[in-house]
Amino acid sequence: MNQDLRKKYYELARISAGMQEREWRQIPPITLLTFVIDYLIDKLEIERGEDD
């Protein structure tokens, strides 16, 4: 993945999680990936008209 694109994804996930950058840097990469996957699943469910 392009480094700039990765930074943008991390920044989007950090903002959506409501975290400060210092807190964000302490999170392991696998947890970041989980945040992004959860976000994408929620977005897909909303687009398909499903709701929790």
PDB file of N, CA and C in Angstrom:
ATOM      1  N   MET A   1       0.850  -1.182   0.000  1.00  0.00           N
ATOM      2  CA  MET A   1       0.000   0.000   0.000  1.00  0.00           C
ATOM      3  C   MET A   1       0.893   1.241   0.000  1.00  0.00           C
ATOM      4  N   ASN A   2       0.481   2.218  -0.725  1.00  0.00           N
ATOM      5  CA  ASN A   2       1.196   3.488  -0.786  1.00  0.00           C
ATOM      6  C   ASN A   2       1.298   4.102   0.611  1.00  0.00           C
ATOM      7  N   GLN A   3       2.495   4.604   0.984  1.00  0.00           N
ATOM      8  CA  GLN A   3       2.722   5.148   2.328  1.00  0.00           C
ATOM      9  C   GLN A   3       1.796   6.318   2.640  1.00  0.00           C
ATOM     10  N   ASP A   4       1.597   7.225   1.685  1.00  0.00           N
ATOM     11  CA  ASP A   4       0.702   8.367   1.908  1.00  0.00           C
ATOM     12  C   ASP A   4      -0.735   7.908   2.129  1.00  0.00           C
ATOM     13  N   LEU A   5      -1.156   6.924   1.355  1.00  0.00           N
ATOM     14  CA  LEU A   5      -2.511   6.397   1.494  1.00  0.00           C
ATOM     15  C   LEU A   5      -2.684   5.744   2.865  1.00  0.00           C
ATOM     16  N   ARG A   6      -1.683   5.007   3.304  1.00  0.00           N
ATOM     17  CA  ARG A   6      -1.737   4.375   4.622  1.00  0.00           C
ATOM     18  C   ARG A   6      -1.872   5.426   5.721  1.00  0.00           C
ATOM     19  N   LYS A   7      -1.108   6.512   5.611  1.00  0.00           N
ATOM     20  CA  LYS A   7      -1.199   7.587   6.605  1.00  0.00           C
ATOM     21  C   LYS A   7      -2.606   8.178   6.637  1.00  0.00           C
ATOM     22  N   LYS A   8      -3.204   8.340   5.470  1.00  0.00           N
ATOM     23  CA  LYS A   8      -4.559   8.898   5.410  1.00  0.00           C
ATOM     24  C   LYS A   8      -5.575   7.962   6.056  1.00  0.00           C
ATOM     25  N   TYR A   9      -5.436   6.646   5.819  1.00  0.00           N
ATOM     26  CA  TYR A   9      -6.334   5.683   6.447  1.00  0.00           C
ATOM     27  C   TYR A   9      -6.189   5.707   7.962  1.00  0.00           C
ATOM     28  N   TYR A  10      -4.930   5.747   8.442  1.00  0.00           N
ATOM     29  CA  TYR A  10      -4.696   5.799   9.884  1.00  0.00           C
ATOM     30  C   TYR A  10      -5.280   7.067  10.482  1.00  0.00           C
ATOM     31  N   GLU A  11      -5.107   8.180   9.788  1.00  0.00           N
ATOM     32  CA  GLU A  11      -5.625   9.452  10.299  1.00  0.00           C
ATOM     33  C   GLU A  11      -7.155   9.416  10.356  1.00  0.00           C
ATOM     34  N   LEU A  12      -7.779   8.887   9.330  1.00  0.00           N
ATOM     35  CA  LEU A  12      -9.241   8.756   9.313  1.00  0.00           C
ATOM     36  C   LEU A  12      -9.717   7.878  10.463  1.00  0.00           C
ATOM     37  N   ALA A  13      -9.064   6.752  10.656  1.00  0.00           N
ATOM     38  CA  ALA A  13      -9.457   5.843  11.736  1.00  0.00           C
ATOM     39  C   ALA A  13      -9.229   6.489  13.096  1.00  0.00           C
ATOM     40  N   ARG A  14      -8.128   7.218  13.257  1.00  0.00           N
ATOM     41  CA  ARG A  14      -7.823   7.883  14.526  1.00  0.00           C
ATOM     42  C   ARG A  14      -8.897   8.925  14.842  1.00  0.00           C
ATOM     43  N   ILE A  15      -9.247   9.713  13.849  1.00  0.00           N
ATOM     44  CA  ILE A  15     -10.265  10.757  14.051  1.00  0.00           C
ATOM     45  C   ILE A  15     -11.617  10.118  14.370  1.00  0.00           C
ATOM     46  N   SER A  16     -11.972   9.060  13.651  1.00  0.00           N
ATOM     47  CA  SER A  16     -13.270   8.427  13.889  1.00  0.00           C
ATOM     48  C   SER A  16     -13.311   7.750  15.254  1.00  0.00           C
ATOM     49  N   ALA A  17     -12.154   7.347  15.772  1.00  0.00           N
ATOM     50  CA  ALA A  17     -12.098   6.746  17.110  1.00  0.00           C
ATOM     51  C   ALA A  17     -12.046   7.816  18.195  1.00  0.00           C
ATOM     52  N   GLY A  18     -11.859   9.079  17.812  1.00  0.00           N
ATOM     53  CA  GLY A  18     -11.832  10.181  18.762  1.00  0.00           C
ATOM     54  C   GLY A  18     -10.617  10.171  19.669  1.00  0.00           C
ATOM     55  N   MET A  19      -9.471   9.793  19.147  1.00  0.00           N
ATOM     56  CA  MET A  19      -8.276   9.668  19.974  1.00  0.00           C
ATOM     57  C   MET A  19      -7.256  10.754  19.647  1.00  0.00           C
ATOM     58  N   GLN A  20      -6.443  11.061  20.650  1.00  0.00           N
ATOM     59  CA  GLN A  20      -5.319  11.977  20.440  1.00  0.00           C
ATOM     60  C   GLN A  20      -4.194  11.203  19.758  1.00  0.00           C
ATOM     61  N   GLU A  21      -3.322  11.923  19.047  1.00  0.00           N
ATOM     62  CA  GLU A  21      -2.258  11.256  18.294  1.00  0.00           C
ATOM     63  C   GLU A  21      -1.318  10.460  19.188  1.00  0.00           C
ATOM     64  N   ARG A  22      -1.011  10.983  20.377  1.00  0.00           N
ATOM     65  CA  ARG A  22      -0.101  10.270  21.284  1.00  0.00           C
ATOM     66  C   ARG A  22      -0.699   8.926  21.695  1.00  0.00           C
ATOM     67  N   GLU A  23      -1.999   8.905  22.021  1.00  0.00           N
ATOM     68  CA  GLU A  23      -2.673   7.653  22.374  1.00  0.00           C
ATOM     69  C   GLU A  23      -2.664   6.704  21.177  1.00  0.00           C
ATOM     70  N   TRP A  24      -2.904   7.273  20.007  1.00  0.00           N
ATOM     71  CA  TRP A  24      -3.024   6.495  18.780  1.00  0.00           C
ATOM     72  C   TRP A  24      -1.749   5.732  18.459  1.00  0.00           C
ATOM     73  N   ARG A  25      -0.595   6.372  18.663  1.00  0.00           N
ATOM     74  CA  ARG A  25       0.692   5.747  18.331  1.00  0.00           C
ATOM     75  C   ARG A  25       1.016   4.552  19.225  1.00  0.00           C
ATOM     76  N   GLN A  26       0.344   4.433  20.358  1.00  0.00           N
ATOM     77  CA  GLN A  26       0.612   3.326  21.283  1.00  0.00           C
ATOM     78  C   GLN A  26      -0.196   2.074  20.941  1.00  0.00           C
ATOM     79  N   ILE A  27      -1.109   2.191  20.009  1.00  0.00           N
ATOM     80  CA  ILE A  27      -1.968   1.057  19.639  1.00  0.00           C
ATOM     81  C   ILE A  27      -1.226   0.152  18.648  1.00  0.00           C
ATOM     82  N   PRO A  28      -1.234  -1.169  18.880  1.00  0.00           N
ATOM     83  CA  PRO A  28      -0.581  -2.089  17.943  1.00  0.00           C
ATOM     84  C   PRO A  28      -1.255  -2.068  16.563  1.00  0.00           C
ATOM     85  N   PRO A  29      -0.485  -2.299  15.496  1.00  0.00           N
ATOM     86  CA  PRO A  29      -1.038  -2.257  14.128  1.00  0.00           C
ATOM     87  C   PRO A  29      -2.234  -3.184  13.904  1.00  0.00           C
ATOM     88  N   ILE A  30      -2.257  -4.359  14.537  1.00  0.00           N
ATOM     89  CA  ILE A  30      -3.392  -5.269  14.322  1.00  0.00           C
ATOM     90  C   ILE A  30      -4.682  -4.659  14.863  1.00  0.00           C
ATOM     91  N   THR A  31      -4.576  -3.884  15.935  1.00  0.00           N
ATOM     92  CA  THR A  31      -5.753  -3.210  16.482  1.00  0.00           C
ATOM     93  C   THR A  31      -6.223  -2.114  15.536  1.00  0.00           C
ATOM     94  N   LEU A  32      -5.271  -1.413  14.923  1.00  0.00           N
ATOM     95  CA  LEU A  32      -5.633  -0.394  13.935  1.00  0.00           C
ATOM     96  C   LEU A  32      -6.385  -1.025  12.781  1.00  0.00           C
ATOM     97  N   LEU A  33      -5.902  -2.171  12.331  1.00  0.00           N
ATOM     98  CA  LEU A  33      -6.560  -2.881  11.243  1.00  0.00           C
ATOM     99  C   LEU A  33      -7.984  -3.270  11.642  1.00  0.00           C
ATOM    100  N   THR A  34      -8.155  -3.695  12.889  1.00  0.00           N
ATOM    101  CA  THR A  34      -9.487  -4.046  13.383  1.00  0.00           C
ATOM    102  C   THR A  34     -10.418  -2.842  13.355  1.00  0.00           C
ATOM    103  N   PHE A  35      -9.911  -1.660  13.764  1.00  0.00           N
ATOM    104  CA  PHE A  35     -10.718  -0.436  13.710  1.00  0.00           C
ATOM    105  C   PHE A  35     -11.200  -0.176  12.285  1.00  0.00           C
ATOM    106  N   VAL A  36     -10.272  -0.284  11.332  1.00  0.00           N
ATOM    107  CA  VAL A  36     -10.608   0.012   9.938  1.00  0.00           C
ATOM    108  C   VAL A  36     -11.620  -0.998   9.401  1.00  0.00           C
ATOM    109  N   ILE A  37     -11.419  -2.275   9.699  1.00  0.00           N
ATOM    110  CA  ILE A  37     -12.351  -3.308   9.226  1.00  0.00           C
ATOM    111  C   ILE A  37     -13.740  -3.096   9.828  1.00  0.00           C
ATOM    112  N   ASP A  38     -13.810  -2.810  11.127  1.00  0.00           N
ATOM    113  CA  ASP A  38     -15.100  -2.549  11.764  1.00  0.00           C
ATOM    114  C   ASP A  38     -15.807  -1.360  11.120  1.00  0.00           C
ATOM    115  N   TYR A  39     -15.031  -0.307  10.852  1.00  0.00           N
ATOM    116  CA  TYR A  39     -15.596   0.888  10.213  1.00  0.00           C
ATOM    117  C   TYR A  39     -16.172   0.546   8.836  1.00  0.00           C
ATOM    118  N   LEU A  40     -15.407  -0.224   8.049  1.00  0.00           N
ATOM    119  CA  LEU A  40     -15.873  -0.574   6.706  1.00  0.00           C
ATOM    120  C   LEU A  40     -17.107  -1.471   6.745  1.00  0.00           C
ATOM    121  N   ILE A  41     -17.145  -2.406   7.689  1.00  0.00           N
ATOM    122  CA  ILE A  41     -18.318  -3.276   7.819  1.00  0.00           C
ATOM    123  C   ILE A  41     -19.546  -2.447   8.187  1.00  0.00           C
ATOM    124  N   ASP A  42     -19.392  -1.534   9.153  1.00  0.00           N
ATOM    125  CA  ASP A  42     -20.511  -0.671   9.529  1.00  0.00           C
ATOM    126  C   ASP A  42     -20.994   0.154   8.347  1.00  0.00           C
ATOM    127  N   LYS A  43     -20.054   0.687   7.588  1.00  0.00           N
ATOM    128  CA  LYS A  43     -20.416   1.507   6.432  1.00  0.00           C
ATOM    129  C   LYS A  43     -21.184   0.683   5.393  1.00  0.00           C
ATOM    130  N   LEU A  44     -20.722  -0.538   5.146  1.00  0.00           N
ATOM    131  CA  LEU A  44     -21.415  -1.416   4.208  1.00  0.00           C
ATOM    132  C   LEU A  44     -22.825  -1.740   4.688  1.00  0.00           C
ATOM    133  N   GLU A  45     -22.977  -2.022   5.981  1.00  0.00           N
ATOM    134  CA  GLU A  45     -24.294  -2.346   6.514  1.00  0.00           C
ATOM    135  C   GLU A  45     -25.246  -1.163   6.379  1.00  0.00           C
ATOM    136  N   ILE A  46     -24.741   0.036   6.608  1.00  0.00           N
ATOM    137  CA  ILE A  46     -25.575   1.232   6.468  1.00  0.00           C
ATOM    138  C   ILE A  46     -26.006   1.409   5.009  1.00  0.00           C
ATOM    139  N   GLU A  47     -25.062   1.217   4.081  1.00  0.00           N
ATOM    140  CA  GLU A  47     -25.389   1.376   2.659  1.00  0.00           C
ATOM    141  C   GLU A  47     -26.407   0.337   2.192  1.00  0.00           C
ATOM    142  N   ARG A  48     -26.378  -0.852   2.804  1.00  0.00           N
ATOM    143  CA  ARG A  48     -27.316  -1.901   2.414  1.00  0.00           C
ATOM    144  C   ARG A  48     -28.642  -1.776   3.142  1.00  0.00           C
ATOM    145  N   GLY A  49     -28.728  -0.807   4.068  1.00  0.00           N
ATOM    146  CA  GLY A  49     -29.976  -0.583   4.778  1.00  0.00           C
ATOM    147  C   GLY A  49     -30.117  -1.406   6.038  1.00  0.00           C
ATOM    148  N   GLU A  50     -29.053  -2.085   6.460  1.00  0.00           N
ATOM    149  CA  GLU A  50     -29.095  -2.866   7.688  1.00  0.00           C
ATOM    150  C   GLU A  50     -28.682  -1.968   8.842  1.00  0.00           C
ATOM    151  N   ASP A  51     -29.139  -2.305  10.037  1.00  0.00           N
ATOM    152  CA  ASP A  51     -28.793  -1.514  11.215  1.00  0.00           C
ATOM    153  C   ASP A  51     -28.664  -2.452  12.404  1.00  0.00           C
ATOM    154  N   ASP A  52     -27.794  -2.073  13.352  1.00  0.00           N
ATOM    155  CA  ASP A  52     -27.585  -2.926  14.538  1.00  0.00           C
ATOM    156  C   ASP A  52     -28.800  -2.949  15.417  1.00  0.00           C
TER     157      ASP A  52
END
